[in-house]
Amino acid sequence: MRTELTQRERQILEMMWEGKGSKEIARVLETSVKTIETQRCRLYRFIGVGSVVEALRWGLKKGYLKPVEPERPPVSRPRREG
């Protein structure tokens, strides 16, 4: 019985993290949408989740995904007089 994600599962999980849907993932990986949907379903079953959000939380918790720091606006500094 396997204990780790396959390389393809990692790719799919990372692309889901980037906000890509099945259609775009299929285009990037040069496969069919049906294949991606099947692989996502198997991934969900393997990690014991039922949704994209749960899969992404799992990926973050297990270290497969890295949190993204929000971009901060530049700090405006008051101009010096004189």
C-alpha atoms as a PDB file:
ATOM      1  CA  MET A   1       0.000   0.000   0.000  1.00  0.00           C
ATOM      2  CA  ARG A   2       1.461   3.374  -0.974  1.00  0.00           C
ATOM      3  CA  THR A   3       1.946   6.188   1.507  1.00  0.00           C
ATOM      4  CA  GLU A   4       3.041   9.127  -0.688  1.00  0.00           C
ATOM      5  CA  LEU A   5       1.454  11.106  -3.504  1.00  0.00           C
ATOM      6  CA  THR A   6       2.509  10.233  -7.025  1.00  0.00           C
ATOM      7  CA  GLN A   7       4.350  12.840  -9.072  1.00  0.00           C
ATOM      8  CA  ARG A   8       1.180  13.432 -11.130  1.00  0.00           C
ATOM      9  CA  GLU A   9      -0.917  13.880  -7.981  1.00  0.00           C
ATOM     10  CA  ARG A  10       1.598  16.443  -6.736  1.00  0.00           C
ATOM     11  CA  GLN A  11       1.435  18.285 -10.062  1.00  0.00           C
ATOM     12  CA  ILE A  12      -2.355  18.363  -9.944  1.00  0.00           C
ATOM     13  CA  LEU A  13      -2.429  19.493  -6.309  1.00  0.00           C
ATOM     14  CA  GLU A  14       0.063  22.296  -7.056  1.00  0.00           C
ATOM     15  CA  MET A  15      -1.951  23.471 -10.058  1.00  0.00           C
ATOM     16  CA  MET A  16      -5.135  23.423  -7.982  1.00  0.00           C
ATOM     17  CA  TRP A  17      -3.257  25.616  -5.471  1.00  0.00           C
ATOM     18  CA  GLU A  18      -2.476  28.008  -8.337  1.00  0.00           C
ATOM     19  CA  GLY A  19      -6.214  28.243  -8.984  1.00  0.00           C
ATOM     20  CA  LYS A  20      -6.308  26.144 -12.144  1.00  0.00           C
ATOM     21  CA  GLY A  21      -9.368  24.059 -12.911  1.00  0.00           C
ATOM     22  CA  SER A  22      -9.496  20.635 -14.538  1.00  0.00           C
ATOM     23  CA  LYS A  23      -9.662  22.057 -18.057  1.00  0.00           C
ATOM     24  CA  GLU A  24      -6.532  24.166 -17.647  1.00  0.00           C
ATOM     25  CA  ILE A  25      -4.665  21.400 -15.811  1.00  0.00           C
ATOM     26  CA  ALA A  26      -5.507  19.019 -18.666  1.00  0.00           C
ATOM     27  CA  ARG A  27      -4.211  21.521 -21.208  1.00  0.00           C
ATOM     28  CA  VAL A  28      -0.935  22.040 -19.329  1.00  0.00           C
ATOM     29  CA  LEU A  29      -0.380  18.308 -18.770  1.00  0.00           C
ATOM     30  CA  GLU A  30      -1.516  17.489 -22.309  1.00  0.00           C
ATOM     31  CA  THR A  31      -4.210  15.037 -21.329  1.00  0.00           C
ATOM     32  CA  SER A  32      -7.995  14.931 -21.275  1.00  0.00           C
ATOM     33  CA  VAL A  33     -10.237  16.686 -18.781  1.00  0.00           C
ATOM     34  CA  LYS A  34     -11.769  13.302 -17.941  1.00  0.00           C
ATOM     35  CA  THR A  35      -8.321  11.939 -17.037  1.00  0.00           C
ATOM     36  CA  ILE A  36      -7.646  14.902 -14.739  1.00  0.00           C
ATOM     37  CA  GLU A  37     -11.051  14.541 -13.081  1.00  0.00           C
ATOM     38  CA  THR A  38     -10.385  10.834 -12.516  1.00  0.00           C
ATOM     39  CA  GLN A  39      -6.962  11.581 -11.049  1.00  0.00           C
ATOM     40  CA  ARG A  40      -8.413  14.287  -8.791  1.00  0.00           C
ATOM     41  CA  CYS A  41     -11.066  11.858  -7.563  1.00  0.00           C
ATOM     42  CA  ARG A  42      -8.390   9.249  -6.782  1.00  0.00           C
ATOM     43  CA  LEU A  43      -6.289  11.913  -5.038  1.00  0.00           C
ATOM     44  CA  TYR A  44      -9.250  12.947  -2.871  1.00  0.00           C
ATOM     45  CA  ARG A  45      -9.951   9.325  -1.973  1.00  0.00           C
ATOM     46  CA  PHE A  46      -6.281   8.649  -1.156  1.00  0.00           C
ATOM     47  CA  ILE A  47      -5.950  11.633   1.193  1.00  0.00           C
ATOM     48  CA  GLY A  48      -9.462  11.247   2.612  1.00  0.00           C
ATOM     49  CA  VAL A  49     -11.071  14.520   1.559  1.00  0.00           C
ATOM     50  CA  GLY A  50     -14.151  15.510  -0.406  1.00  0.00           C
ATOM     51  CA  SER A  51     -13.405  18.932  -1.836  1.00  0.00           C
ATOM     52  CA  VAL A  52     -10.777  21.193  -3.371  1.00  0.00           C
ATOM     53  CA  VAL A  53     -10.577  23.281  -0.199  1.00  0.00           C
ATOM     54  CA  GLU A  54     -10.011  20.211   1.961  1.00  0.00           C
ATOM     55  CA  ALA A  55      -7.365  18.916  -0.460  1.00  0.00           C
ATOM     56  CA  LEU A  56      -5.532  22.242  -0.383  1.00  0.00           C
ATOM     57  CA  ARG A  57      -5.669  22.384   3.425  1.00  0.00           C
ATOM     58  CA  TRP A  58      -4.285  18.858   3.531  1.00  0.00           C
ATOM     59  CA  GLY A  59      -1.516  19.794   1.078  1.00  0.00           C
ATOM     60  CA  LEU A  60      -0.531  22.776   3.227  1.00  0.00           C
ATOM     61  CA  LYS A  61      -0.591  20.733   6.429  1.00  0.00           C
ATOM     62  CA  LYS A  62       1.523  17.938   4.937  1.00  0.00           C
ATOM     63  CA  GLY A  63       4.034  20.308   3.331  1.00  0.00           C
ATOM     64  CA  TYR A  64       3.188  19.593  -0.297  1.00  0.00           C
ATOM     65  CA  LEU A  65       2.124  23.218  -0.741  1.00  0.00           C
ATOM     66  CA  LYS A  66       3.726  26.394   0.529  1.00  0.00           C
ATOM     67  CA  PRO A  67       1.614  29.209   1.981  1.00  0.00           C
ATOM     68  CA  VAL A  68       1.590  32.365  -0.075  1.00  0.00           C
ATOM     69  CA  GLU A  69       2.390  35.553   1.782  1.00  0.00           C
ATOM     70  CA  PRO A  70      -0.030  38.322   0.880  1.00  0.00           C
ATOM     71  CA  GLU A  71       1.528  41.178  -1.005  1.00  0.00           C
ATOM     72  CA  ARG A  72       1.822  44.256   1.122  1.00  0.00           C
ATOM     73  CA  PRO A  73       1.425  47.699  -0.349  1.00  0.00           C
ATOM     74  CA  PRO A  74       4.545  49.848  -0.209  1.00  0.00           C
ATOM     75  CA  VAL A  75       4.862  51.837   2.961  1.00  0.00           C
ATOM     76  CA  SER A  76       4.507  55.524   2.251  1.00  0.00           C
ATOM     77  CA  ARG A  77       6.813  57.607   4.351  1.00  0.00           C
ATOM     78  CA  PRO A  78       6.133  61.224   5.155  1.00  0.00           C
ATOM     79  CA  ARG A  79       8.322  63.658   3.278  1.00  0.00           C
ATOM     80  CA  ARG A  80      10.931  65.473   5.227  1.00  0.00           C
ATOM     81  CA  GLU A  81      10.605  69.198   5.371  1.00  0.00           C
ATOM     82  CA  GLY A  82      13.640  71.340   4.966  1.00  0.00           C
END
